[in-house]
Amino acid sequence: MSSTKNKLKNKHKLGFWLSTSLVVGNMTGSGIFLLPAALAMYGGISVFGWVFTTIGVIFLALVFSRLSKLITRAGGPYAYSREGFGDFAGFLVAWGYWISIWCGNAAIAVAGVGYLSTFIPSLKENYFLSAAVAIAAIWVFTFINTKSIRSVGMVQFVTTLLKILPLALLGTIGILTTTTSNP
């Protein structure tokens, strides 16, 4: 009986790679692909924007790291703000996070349709089709999220690879091109 419980328990565990892909996939959003094109018009000065943003993200990660050691309850930012500032502040943080997820999901769906329009040109011309594809993408991922945590982890692992591999490839090509062109 206990081996059956252990097998069932292990079946629902994510493990190192799936857990890592959940974190990396959530941190690497569509902005990393959209921002370079948006910042390109500002030239080299845009690198300072990336540097300041990176420093800010590191400080934010350090704050959350420290808070997670001080407040060990589950709940993340909601639990931290509730513990420090009371129920109303906790509610506002949870509500704000929930609304930001709506906006973020919509932005990711729109960005995805924008990427797809390179391969399917009719998405640029037909706004109804573009909206239908974006909504379908949201529903597909919502359906996947209703399944087991392991299946969610596997999908996240694949999508994380699809995001990270092109970045690594382009970065490597960029470094090689820069170092070989300057003797």
N, C-alpha and C. Protein backbone atom coordinates (compact mmCIF):
# COMPACT_ATOMS: atom_id res chain seq x y z
N MET A 1 0.83 -1.20 0.00
CA MET A 1 0.00 0.00 0.00
C MET A 1 0.87 1.26 0.00
N SER A 2 1.95 1.25 0.78
CA SER A 2 2.78 2.44 0.86
C SER A 2 3.54 2.69 -0.43
N SER A 3 3.89 1.63 -1.19
CA SER A 3 4.58 1.84 -2.47
C SER A 3 3.63 2.47 -3.48
N THR A 4 2.34 2.15 -3.40
CA THR A 4 1.36 2.77 -4.29
C THR A 4 1.23 4.26 -3.97
N LYS A 5 1.23 4.59 -2.68
CA LYS A 5 1.17 5.99 -2.28
C LYS A 5 2.40 6.75 -2.76
N ASN A 6 3.58 6.11 -2.61
CA ASN A 6 4.82 6.76 -3.05
C ASN A 6 4.82 6.98 -4.56
N LYS A 7 4.33 5.99 -5.33
CA LYS A 7 4.28 6.14 -6.78
C LYS A 7 3.33 7.27 -7.16
N LEU A 8 2.18 7.32 -6.47
CA LEU A 8 1.21 8.38 -6.74
C LEU A 8 1.79 9.74 -6.36
N LYS A 9 2.50 9.79 -5.23
CA LYS A 9 3.12 11.03 -4.80
C LYS A 9 4.18 11.49 -5.80
N ASN A 10 5.02 10.56 -6.25
CA ASN A 10 6.07 10.89 -7.22
C ASN A 10 5.50 11.28 -8.57
N LYS A 11 4.36 10.72 -8.93
CA LYS A 11 3.72 11.04 -10.20
C LYS A 11 3.31 12.51 -10.25
N HIS A 12 2.96 13.07 -9.11
CA HIS A 12 2.50 14.45 -9.05
C HIS A 12 3.63 15.44 -8.76
N LYS A 13 4.85 14.94 -8.52
CA LYS A 13 5.98 15.84 -8.30
C LYS A 13 6.51 16.34 -9.63
N LEU A 14 7.04 17.52 -9.61
CA LEU A 14 7.56 18.12 -10.83
C LEU A 14 9.01 17.76 -11.08
N GLY A 15 9.82 17.74 -10.07
CA GLY A 15 11.23 17.49 -10.27
C GLY A 15 11.98 18.77 -10.62
N PHE A 16 13.29 18.65 -10.73
CA PHE A 16 14.16 19.80 -10.93
C PHE A 16 13.89 20.51 -12.25
N TRP A 17 13.88 19.79 -13.38
CA TRP A 17 13.79 20.43 -14.69
C TRP A 17 12.43 21.07 -14.95
N LEU A 18 11.37 20.39 -14.53
CA LEU A 18 10.05 20.98 -14.74
C LEU A 18 9.84 22.19 -13.83
N SER A 19 10.34 22.11 -12.59
CA SER A 19 10.23 23.26 -11.69
C SER A 19 11.04 24.44 -12.22
N THR A 20 12.24 24.15 -12.70
CA THR A 20 13.08 25.21 -13.25
C THR A 20 12.42 25.84 -14.47
N SER A 21 11.83 25.01 -15.32
CA SER A 21 11.18 25.56 -16.51
C SER A 21 9.96 26.41 -16.15
N LEU A 22 9.27 26.07 -15.08
CA LEU A 22 8.15 26.91 -14.64
C LEU A 22 8.64 28.30 -14.24
N VAL A 23 9.74 28.36 -13.51
CA VAL A 23 10.27 29.65 -13.08
C VAL A 23 10.83 30.42 -14.27
N VAL A 24 11.67 29.77 -15.07
CA VAL A 24 12.29 30.44 -16.21
C VAL A 24 11.22 30.87 -17.22
N GLY A 25 10.26 29.99 -17.47
CA GLY A 25 9.20 30.32 -18.42
C GLY A 25 8.34 31.48 -17.97
N ASN A 26 8.09 31.58 -16.68
CA ASN A 26 7.30 32.69 -16.17
C ASN A 26 8.10 33.99 -16.15
N MET A 27 9.40 33.89 -15.98
CA MET A 27 10.24 35.09 -15.94
C MET A 27 10.55 35.59 -17.35
N THR A 28 10.62 34.68 -18.31
CA THR A 28 10.97 35.05 -19.68
C THR A 28 9.66 35.22 -20.45
N GLY A 29 9.14 36.39 -20.44
CA GLY A 29 7.88 36.66 -21.11
C GLY A 29 8.08 37.13 -22.54
N SER A 30 7.02 37.55 -23.16
CA SER A 30 7.08 38.00 -24.55
C SER A 30 7.85 39.30 -24.68
N GLY A 31 8.00 40.04 -23.58
CA GLY A 31 8.71 41.31 -23.64
C GLY A 31 10.16 41.17 -24.07
N ILE A 32 10.77 40.05 -23.72
CA ILE A 32 12.17 39.88 -24.09
C ILE A 32 12.34 39.79 -25.60
N PHE A 33 11.27 39.42 -26.30
CA PHE A 33 11.32 39.37 -27.76
C PHE A 33 10.81 40.67 -28.38
N LEU A 34 9.91 41.35 -27.69
CA LEU A 34 9.33 42.58 -28.24
C LEU A 34 10.17 43.82 -27.95
N LEU A 35 10.81 43.88 -26.79
CA LEU A 35 11.53 45.08 -26.40
C LEU A 35 12.72 45.43 -27.27
N PRO A 36 13.54 44.48 -27.71
CA PRO A 36 14.68 44.90 -28.55
C PRO A 36 14.25 45.69 -29.77
N ALA A 37 13.17 45.28 -30.42
CA ALA A 37 12.71 46.02 -31.60
C ALA A 37 12.19 47.39 -31.20
N ALA A 38 11.52 47.48 -30.06
CA ALA A 38 10.99 48.77 -29.61
C ALA A 38 12.10 49.71 -29.17
N LEU A 39 13.17 49.14 -28.59
CA LEU A 39 14.26 49.98 -28.08
C LEU A 39 15.33 50.27 -29.13
N ALA A 40 15.29 49.56 -30.26
CA ALA A 40 16.32 49.72 -31.29
C ALA A 40 16.40 51.16 -31.80
N MET A 41 15.29 51.85 -31.85
CA MET A 41 15.29 53.23 -32.37
C MET A 41 16.09 54.18 -31.48
N TYR A 42 16.34 53.78 -30.22
CA TYR A 42 17.10 54.63 -29.32
C TYR A 42 18.60 54.35 -29.37
N GLY A 43 18.99 53.35 -30.13
CA GLY A 43 20.42 53.05 -30.31
C GLY A 43 21.05 52.46 -29.07
N GLY A 44 22.34 52.75 -28.92
CA GLY A 44 23.13 52.17 -27.83
C GLY A 44 22.68 52.58 -26.45
N ILE A 45 22.02 53.72 -26.33
CA ILE A 45 21.57 54.19 -25.01
C ILE A 45 20.53 53.23 -24.41
N SER A 46 19.87 52.46 -25.27
CA SER A 46 18.85 51.52 -24.77
C SER A 46 19.47 50.43 -23.91
N VAL A 47 20.77 50.20 -24.07
CA VAL A 47 21.45 49.21 -23.22
C VAL A 47 21.38 49.63 -21.76
N PHE A 48 21.43 50.94 -21.51
CA PHE A 48 21.32 51.41 -20.13
C PHE A 48 19.95 51.06 -19.53
N GLY A 49 18.91 51.10 -20.35
CA GLY A 49 17.59 50.67 -19.90
C GLY A 49 17.59 49.22 -19.46
N TRP A 50 18.26 48.37 -20.25
CA TRP A 50 18.37 46.94 -19.88
C TRP A 50 19.15 46.78 -18.59
N VAL A 51 20.24 47.55 -18.43
CA VAL A 51 21.07 47.45 -17.23
C VAL A 51 20.27 47.88 -16.00
N PHE A 52 19.59 49.03 -16.07
CA PHE A 52 18.79 49.50 -14.94
C PHE A 52 17.67 48.52 -14.60
N THR A 53 17.04 47.97 -15.62
CA THR A 53 15.98 47.00 -15.39
C THR A 53 16.53 45.74 -14.73
N THR A 54 17.69 45.29 -15.17
CA THR A 54 18.32 44.11 -14.58
C THR A 54 18.65 44.34 -13.12
N ILE A 55 19.20 45.50 -12.81
CA ILE A 55 19.52 45.82 -11.42
C ILE A 55 18.24 45.86 -10.58
N GLY A 56 17.18 46.47 -11.10
CA GLY A 56 15.91 46.51 -10.38
C GLY A 56 15.34 45.12 -10.14
N VAL A 57 15.43 44.25 -11.12
CA VAL A 57 14.91 42.88 -10.98
C VAL A 57 15.71 42.12 -9.93
N ILE A 58 17.02 42.32 -9.92
CA ILE A 58 17.85 41.64 -8.91
C ILE A 58 17.47 42.11 -7.51
N PHE A 59 17.29 43.42 -7.33
CA PHE A 59 16.86 43.93 -6.02
C PHE A 59 15.49 43.38 -5.62
N LEU A 60 14.59 43.32 -6.57
CA LEU A 60 13.26 42.78 -6.29
C LEU A 60 13.35 41.30 -5.89
N ALA A 61 14.20 40.54 -6.58
CA ALA A 61 14.39 39.13 -6.23
C ALA A 61 14.98 39.00 -4.83
N LEU A 62 15.90 39.88 -4.46
CA LEU A 62 16.48 39.84 -3.12
C LEU A 62 15.43 40.16 -2.05
N VAL A 63 14.55 41.12 -2.36
CA VAL A 63 13.48 41.46 -1.41
C VAL A 63 12.56 40.25 -1.20
N PHE A 64 12.14 39.62 -2.30
CA PHE A 64 11.26 38.46 -2.16
C PHE A 64 11.97 37.28 -1.50
N SER A 65 13.26 37.14 -1.74
CA SER A 65 14.02 36.09 -1.07
C SER A 65 14.02 36.30 0.44
N ARG A 66 14.26 37.52 0.83
CA ARG A 66 14.28 37.85 2.26
C ARG A 66 12.89 37.67 2.88
N LEU A 67 11.87 38.14 2.19
CA LEU A 67 10.51 37.99 2.72
C LEU A 67 10.12 36.52 2.84
N SER A 68 10.55 35.69 1.91
CA SER A 68 10.19 34.28 1.97
C SER A 68 10.86 33.59 3.17
N LYS A 69 11.98 34.13 3.62
CA LYS A 69 12.63 33.57 4.82
C LYS A 69 11.94 34.06 6.09
N LEU A 70 11.44 35.30 6.06
CA LEU A 70 10.78 35.86 7.23
C LEU A 70 9.35 35.35 7.40
N ILE A 71 8.63 35.22 6.30
CA ILE A 71 7.23 34.79 6.33
C ILE A 71 7.15 33.48 5.55
N THR A 72 7.00 32.39 6.26
CA THR A 72 7.10 31.08 5.63
C THR A 72 5.76 30.53 5.14
N ARG A 73 4.68 31.25 5.35
CA ARG A 73 3.38 30.80 4.87
C ARG A 73 3.31 30.89 3.36
N ALA A 74 2.48 30.08 2.75
CA ALA A 74 2.26 30.14 1.30
C ALA A 74 1.45 31.39 0.98
N GLY A 75 1.63 31.91 -0.22
CA GLY A 75 0.84 33.05 -0.65
C GLY A 75 1.65 34.14 -1.31
N GLY A 76 2.95 34.10 -1.21
CA GLY A 76 3.80 35.07 -1.88
C GLY A 76 3.47 36.51 -1.51
N PRO A 77 3.39 37.41 -2.51
CA PRO A 77 3.16 38.83 -2.23
C PRO A 77 1.89 39.09 -1.41
N TYR A 78 0.86 38.28 -1.62
CA TYR A 78 -0.37 38.44 -0.84
C TYR A 78 -0.08 38.22 0.64
N ALA A 79 0.61 37.11 0.94
CA ALA A 79 0.90 36.79 2.34
C ALA A 79 1.82 37.83 2.96
N TYR A 80 2.79 38.32 2.20
CA TYR A 80 3.74 39.30 2.73
C TYR A 80 3.03 40.62 3.05
N SER A 81 2.21 41.10 2.12
CA SER A 81 1.54 42.38 2.35
C SER A 81 0.47 42.25 3.44
N ARG A 82 -0.19 41.11 3.50
CA ARG A 82 -1.20 40.89 4.54
C ARG A 82 -0.55 40.86 5.92
N GLU A 83 0.58 40.17 5.99
CA GLU A 83 1.30 40.08 7.27
C GLU A 83 1.82 41.46 7.70
N GLY A 84 2.33 42.23 6.76
CA GLY A 84 2.93 43.51 7.11
C GLY A 84 1.96 44.65 7.25
N PHE A 85 0.87 44.63 6.46
CA PHE A 85 0.00 45.80 6.40
C PHE A 85 -1.47 45.51 6.66
N GLY A 86 -1.84 44.26 6.87
CA GLY A 86 -3.22 43.93 7.19
C GLY A 86 -3.99 43.32 6.04
N ASP A 87 -5.24 42.97 6.35
CA ASP A 87 -6.09 42.26 5.39
C ASP A 87 -6.39 43.09 4.14
N PHE A 88 -6.67 44.38 4.31
CA PHE A 88 -7.04 45.19 3.16
C PHE A 88 -5.89 45.30 2.17
N ALA A 89 -4.67 45.52 2.67
CA ALA A 89 -3.51 45.59 1.78
C ALA A 89 -3.28 44.25 1.09
N GLY A 90 -3.47 43.17 1.82
CA GLY A 90 -3.35 41.84 1.21
C GLY A 90 -4.37 41.65 0.10
N PHE A 91 -5.60 42.08 0.37
CA PHE A 91 -6.65 41.99 -0.65
C PHE A 91 -6.28 42.80 -1.88
N LEU A 92 -5.80 44.03 -1.69
CA LEU A 92 -5.44 44.88 -2.83
C LEU A 92 -4.32 44.27 -3.67
N VAL A 93 -3.34 43.68 -3.00
CA VAL A 93 -2.23 43.04 -3.73
C VAL A 93 -2.75 41.84 -4.51
N ALA A 94 -3.58 41.02 -3.88
CA ALA A 94 -4.12 39.84 -4.57
C ALA A 94 -4.99 40.26 -5.75
N TRP A 95 -5.83 41.26 -5.55
CA TRP A 95 -6.70 41.75 -6.61
C TRP A 95 -5.89 42.35 -7.76
N GLY A 96 -4.92 43.17 -7.40
CA GLY A 96 -4.06 43.77 -8.42
C GLY A 96 -3.29 42.72 -9.21
N TYR A 97 -2.80 41.70 -8.52
CA TYR A 97 -2.08 40.63 -9.20
C TYR A 97 -3.01 39.89 -10.17
N TRP A 98 -4.23 39.62 -9.71
CA TRP A 98 -5.20 38.90 -10.53
C TRP A 98 -5.50 39.69 -11.81
N ILE A 99 -5.71 40.98 -11.67
CA ILE A 99 -6.00 41.82 -12.84
C ILE A 99 -4.77 41.91 -13.75
N SER A 100 -3.58 41.99 -13.16
CA SER A 100 -2.37 42.06 -13.99
C SER A 100 -2.17 40.77 -14.78
N ILE A 101 -2.59 39.65 -14.23
CA ILE A 101 -2.50 38.38 -14.96
C ILE A 101 -3.44 38.40 -16.16
N TRP A 102 -4.63 38.98 -16.00
CA TRP A 102 -5.54 39.12 -17.15
C TRP A 102 -4.85 39.89 -18.26
N CYS A 103 -4.30 41.05 -17.88
CA CYS A 103 -3.64 41.90 -18.87
C CYS A 103 -2.44 41.20 -19.48
N GLY A 104 -1.67 40.54 -18.65
CA GLY A 104 -0.49 39.82 -19.13
C GLY A 104 -0.84 38.71 -20.10
N ASN A 105 -1.88 37.94 -19.77
CA ASN A 105 -2.30 36.87 -20.67
C ASN A 105 -2.78 37.42 -22.01
N ALA A 106 -3.50 38.52 -21.96
CA ALA A 106 -3.95 39.14 -23.21
C ALA A 106 -2.76 39.63 -24.02
N ALA A 107 -1.78 40.24 -23.36
CA ALA A 107 -0.59 40.73 -24.06
C ALA A 107 0.20 39.58 -24.68
N ILE A 108 0.32 38.49 -23.96
CA ILE A 108 1.05 37.32 -24.49
C ILE A 108 0.31 36.74 -25.69
N ALA A 109 -1.02 36.67 -25.61
CA ALA A 109 -1.81 36.14 -26.74
C ALA A 109 -1.66 37.04 -27.96
N VAL A 110 -1.71 38.35 -27.75
CA VAL A 110 -1.55 39.29 -28.87
C VAL A 110 -0.15 39.19 -29.45
N ALA A 111 0.87 39.09 -28.58
CA ALA A 111 2.24 38.94 -29.07
C ALA A 111 2.39 37.64 -29.85
N GLY A 112 1.77 36.57 -29.35
CA GLY A 112 1.83 35.28 -30.07
C GLY A 112 1.22 35.36 -31.45
N VAL A 113 0.09 36.04 -31.56
CA VAL A 113 -0.54 36.22 -32.87
C VAL A 113 0.35 37.08 -33.76
N GLY A 114 1.00 38.07 -33.17
CA GLY A 114 1.94 38.89 -33.94
C GLY A 114 3.09 38.06 -34.50
N TYR A 115 3.61 37.14 -33.69
CA TYR A 115 4.68 36.25 -34.17
C TYR A 115 4.16 35.33 -35.26
N LEU A 116 2.97 34.78 -35.05
CA LEU A 116 2.38 33.86 -36.03
C LEU A 116 2.08 34.55 -37.35
N SER A 117 1.81 35.85 -37.32
CA SER A 117 1.45 36.56 -38.55
C SER A 117 2.60 36.59 -39.55
N THR A 118 3.82 36.36 -39.07
CA THR A 118 4.96 36.24 -39.98
C THR A 118 4.81 35.00 -40.84
N PHE A 119 4.29 33.93 -40.24
CA PHE A 119 4.15 32.67 -40.95
C PHE A 119 2.77 32.51 -41.60
N ILE A 120 1.78 33.19 -41.02
CA ILE A 120 0.41 33.15 -41.54
C ILE A 120 0.00 34.59 -41.82
N PRO A 121 0.30 35.12 -43.02
CA PRO A 121 0.05 36.54 -43.30
C PRO A 121 -1.40 36.98 -43.17
N SER A 122 -2.34 36.05 -43.31
CA SER A 122 -3.75 36.44 -43.20
C SER A 122 -4.10 36.95 -41.80
N LEU A 123 -3.27 36.61 -40.80
CA LEU A 123 -3.52 37.11 -39.45
C LEU A 123 -3.31 38.63 -39.37
N LYS A 124 -2.45 39.18 -40.22
CA LYS A 124 -2.23 40.63 -40.23
C LYS A 124 -3.42 41.36 -40.83
N GLU A 125 -4.05 40.73 -41.81
CA GLU A 125 -5.10 41.39 -42.58
C GLU A 125 -6.49 41.20 -41.99
N ASN A 126 -6.73 40.07 -41.33
CA ASN A 126 -8.06 39.73 -40.83
C ASN A 126 -8.08 39.86 -39.31
N TYR A 127 -8.65 40.96 -38.82
CA TYR A 127 -8.66 41.20 -37.39
C TYR A 127 -9.53 40.19 -36.64
N PHE A 128 -10.60 39.74 -37.26
CA PHE A 128 -11.45 38.74 -36.62
C PHE A 128 -10.68 37.44 -36.42
N LEU A 129 -9.94 37.01 -37.43
CA LEU A 129 -9.14 35.80 -37.34
C LEU A 129 -8.05 35.96 -36.28
N SER A 130 -7.42 37.12 -36.24
CA SER A 130 -6.38 37.40 -35.23
C SER A 130 -6.96 37.27 -33.82
N ALA A 131 -8.12 37.88 -33.61
CA ALA A 131 -8.75 37.81 -32.28
C ALA A 131 -9.16 36.38 -31.95
N ALA A 132 -9.67 35.66 -32.93
CA ALA A 132 -10.08 34.26 -32.69
C ALA A 132 -8.89 33.40 -32.32
N VAL A 133 -7.76 33.59 -32.99
CA VAL A 133 -6.56 32.81 -32.67
C VAL A 133 -6.04 33.16 -31.28
N ALA A 134 -6.05 34.44 -30.92
CA ALA A 134 -5.60 34.85 -29.59
C ALA A 134 -6.49 34.26 -28.51
N ILE A 135 -7.79 34.33 -28.71
CA ILE A 135 -8.73 33.77 -27.73
C ILE A 135 -8.59 32.26 -27.65
N ALA A 136 -8.42 31.62 -28.80
CA ALA A 136 -8.23 30.15 -28.82
C ALA A 136 -6.97 29.77 -28.05
N ALA A 137 -5.90 30.55 -28.21
CA ALA A 137 -4.65 30.26 -27.48
C ALA A 137 -4.88 30.34 -25.97
N ILE A 138 -5.61 31.37 -25.54
CA ILE A 138 -5.90 31.51 -24.11
C ILE A 138 -6.70 30.31 -23.61
N TRP A 139 -7.70 29.89 -24.38
CA TRP A 139 -8.52 28.75 -23.97
C TRP A 139 -7.74 27.44 -23.99
N VAL A 140 -6.85 27.27 -24.95
CA VAL A 140 -6.03 26.04 -24.99
C VAL A 140 -5.16 25.96 -23.74
N PHE A 141 -4.50 27.07 -23.39
CA PHE A 141 -3.65 27.04 -22.21
C PHE A 141 -4.46 26.98 -20.92
N THR A 142 -5.65 27.53 -20.92
CA THR A 142 -6.54 27.38 -19.76
C THR A 142 -6.91 25.91 -19.59
N PHE A 143 -7.24 25.25 -20.69
CA PHE A 143 -7.56 23.82 -20.63
C PHE A 143 -6.38 23.01 -20.12
N ILE A 144 -5.18 23.32 -20.60
CA ILE A 144 -3.99 22.60 -20.14
C ILE A 144 -3.81 22.80 -18.64
N ASN A 145 -4.08 24.00 -18.16
CA ASN A 145 -3.92 24.28 -16.73
C ASN A 145 -4.95 23.56 -15.86
N THR A 146 -6.01 23.04 -16.44
CA THR A 146 -6.97 22.27 -15.66
C THR A 146 -6.53 20.82 -15.48
N LYS A 147 -5.48 20.43 -16.19
CA LYS A 147 -4.96 19.08 -16.10
C LYS A 147 -3.99 18.98 -14.92
N SER A 148 -3.29 17.89 -14.82
CA SER A 148 -2.37 17.67 -13.70
C SER A 148 -1.20 18.66 -13.75
N ILE A 149 -0.59 18.87 -12.61
CA ILE A 149 0.54 19.78 -12.52
C ILE A 149 1.69 19.28 -13.37
N ARG A 150 1.79 17.98 -13.50
CA ARG A 150 2.87 17.39 -14.32
C ARG A 150 2.68 17.74 -15.80
N SER A 151 1.44 17.67 -16.30
CA SER A 151 1.21 18.01 -17.71
C SER A 151 1.44 19.51 -17.93
N VAL A 152 1.09 20.33 -16.96
CA VAL A 152 1.36 21.76 -17.05
C VAL A 152 2.87 21.98 -17.08
N GLY A 153 3.59 21.26 -16.24
CA GLY A 153 5.05 21.37 -16.21
C GLY A 153 5.68 20.95 -17.52
N MET A 154 5.17 19.90 -18.14
CA MET A 154 5.71 19.44 -19.42
C MET A 154 5.47 20.48 -20.52
N VAL A 155 4.29 21.05 -20.56
CA VAL A 155 4.01 22.09 -21.56
C VAL A 155 4.90 23.30 -21.31
N GLN A 156 5.07 23.66 -20.05
CA GLN A 156 5.94 24.79 -19.72
C GLN A 156 7.38 24.50 -20.11
N PHE A 157 7.81 23.26 -19.93
CA PHE A 157 9.18 22.87 -20.30
C PHE A 157 9.39 23.05 -21.80
N VAL A 158 8.43 22.59 -22.60
CA VAL A 158 8.54 22.71 -24.06
C VAL A 158 8.52 24.17 -24.48
N THR A 159 7.60 24.96 -23.94
CA THR A 159 7.51 26.37 -24.33
C THR A 159 8.73 27.15 -23.85
N THR A 160 9.29 26.77 -22.71
CA THR A 160 10.51 27.42 -22.24
C THR A 160 11.67 27.13 -23.18
N LEU A 161 11.77 25.89 -23.62
CA LEU A 161 12.82 25.55 -24.60
C LEU A 161 12.64 26.35 -25.88
N LEU A 162 11.38 26.50 -26.32
CA LEU A 162 11.11 27.26 -27.54
C LEU A 162 11.46 28.74 -27.38
N LYS A 163 11.47 29.24 -26.15
CA LYS A 163 11.86 30.63 -25.91
C LYS A 163 13.36 30.77 -25.72
N ILE A 164 13.96 29.87 -24.97
CA ILE A 164 15.36 30.00 -24.58
C ILE A 164 16.32 29.62 -25.72
N LEU A 165 16.01 28.57 -26.46
CA LEU A 165 16.92 28.13 -27.52
C LEU A 165 17.17 29.21 -28.58
N PRO A 166 16.15 29.90 -29.11
CA PRO A 166 16.45 30.97 -30.06
C PRO A 166 17.28 32.10 -29.46
N LEU A 167 17.01 32.43 -28.19
CA LEU A 167 17.80 33.48 -27.54
C LEU A 167 19.27 33.06 -27.42
N ALA A 168 19.48 31.81 -27.01
CA ALA A 168 20.86 31.31 -26.88
C ALA A 168 21.54 31.25 -28.25
N LEU A 169 20.81 30.81 -29.26
CA LEU A 169 21.37 30.72 -30.60
C LEU A 169 21.74 32.09 -31.14
N LEU A 170 20.83 33.06 -31.02
CA LEU A 170 21.11 34.41 -31.50
C LEU A 170 22.24 35.07 -30.71
N GLY A 171 22.27 34.84 -29.41
CA GLY A 171 23.35 35.39 -28.60
C GLY A 171 24.70 34.82 -29.00
N THR A 172 24.73 33.52 -29.23
CA THR A 172 25.98 32.87 -29.65
C THR A 172 26.42 33.38 -31.01
N ILE A 173 25.48 33.47 -31.94
CA ILE A 173 25.81 33.99 -33.30
C ILE A 173 26.30 35.43 -33.18
N GLY A 174 25.65 36.24 -32.35
CA GLY A 174 26.06 37.63 -32.16
C GLY A 174 27.47 37.74 -31.60
N ILE A 175 27.78 36.94 -30.61
CA ILE A 175 29.12 36.96 -30.01
C ILE A 175 30.16 36.49 -31.02
N LEU A 176 29.85 35.40 -31.72
CA LEU A 176 30.80 34.89 -32.72
C LEU A 176 31.01 35.89 -33.84
N THR A 177 29.95 36.53 -34.29
CA THR A 177 30.06 37.52 -35.36
C THR A 177 30.88 38.72 -34.92
N THR A 178 30.66 39.16 -33.70
CA THR A 178 31.39 40.31 -33.17
C THR A 178 32.86 39.99 -32.99
N THR A 179 33.16 38.82 -32.47
CA THR A 179 34.57 38.49 -32.21
C THR A 179 35.33 38.15 -33.49
N THR A 180 34.65 37.61 -34.49
CA THR A 180 35.36 37.26 -35.74
C THR A 180 35.50 38.45 -36.67
N SER A 181 34.61 39.44 -36.57
CA SER A 181 34.70 40.57 -37.49
C SER A 181 35.72 41.60 -37.04
N ASN A 182 36.08 41.60 -35.76
CA ASN A 182 37.10 42.53 -35.25
C ASN A 182 38.38 41.75 -34.96
N PRO A 183 39.42 41.93 -35.79
CA PRO A 183 40.65 41.15 -35.60
C PRO A 183 41.44 41.55 -34.37
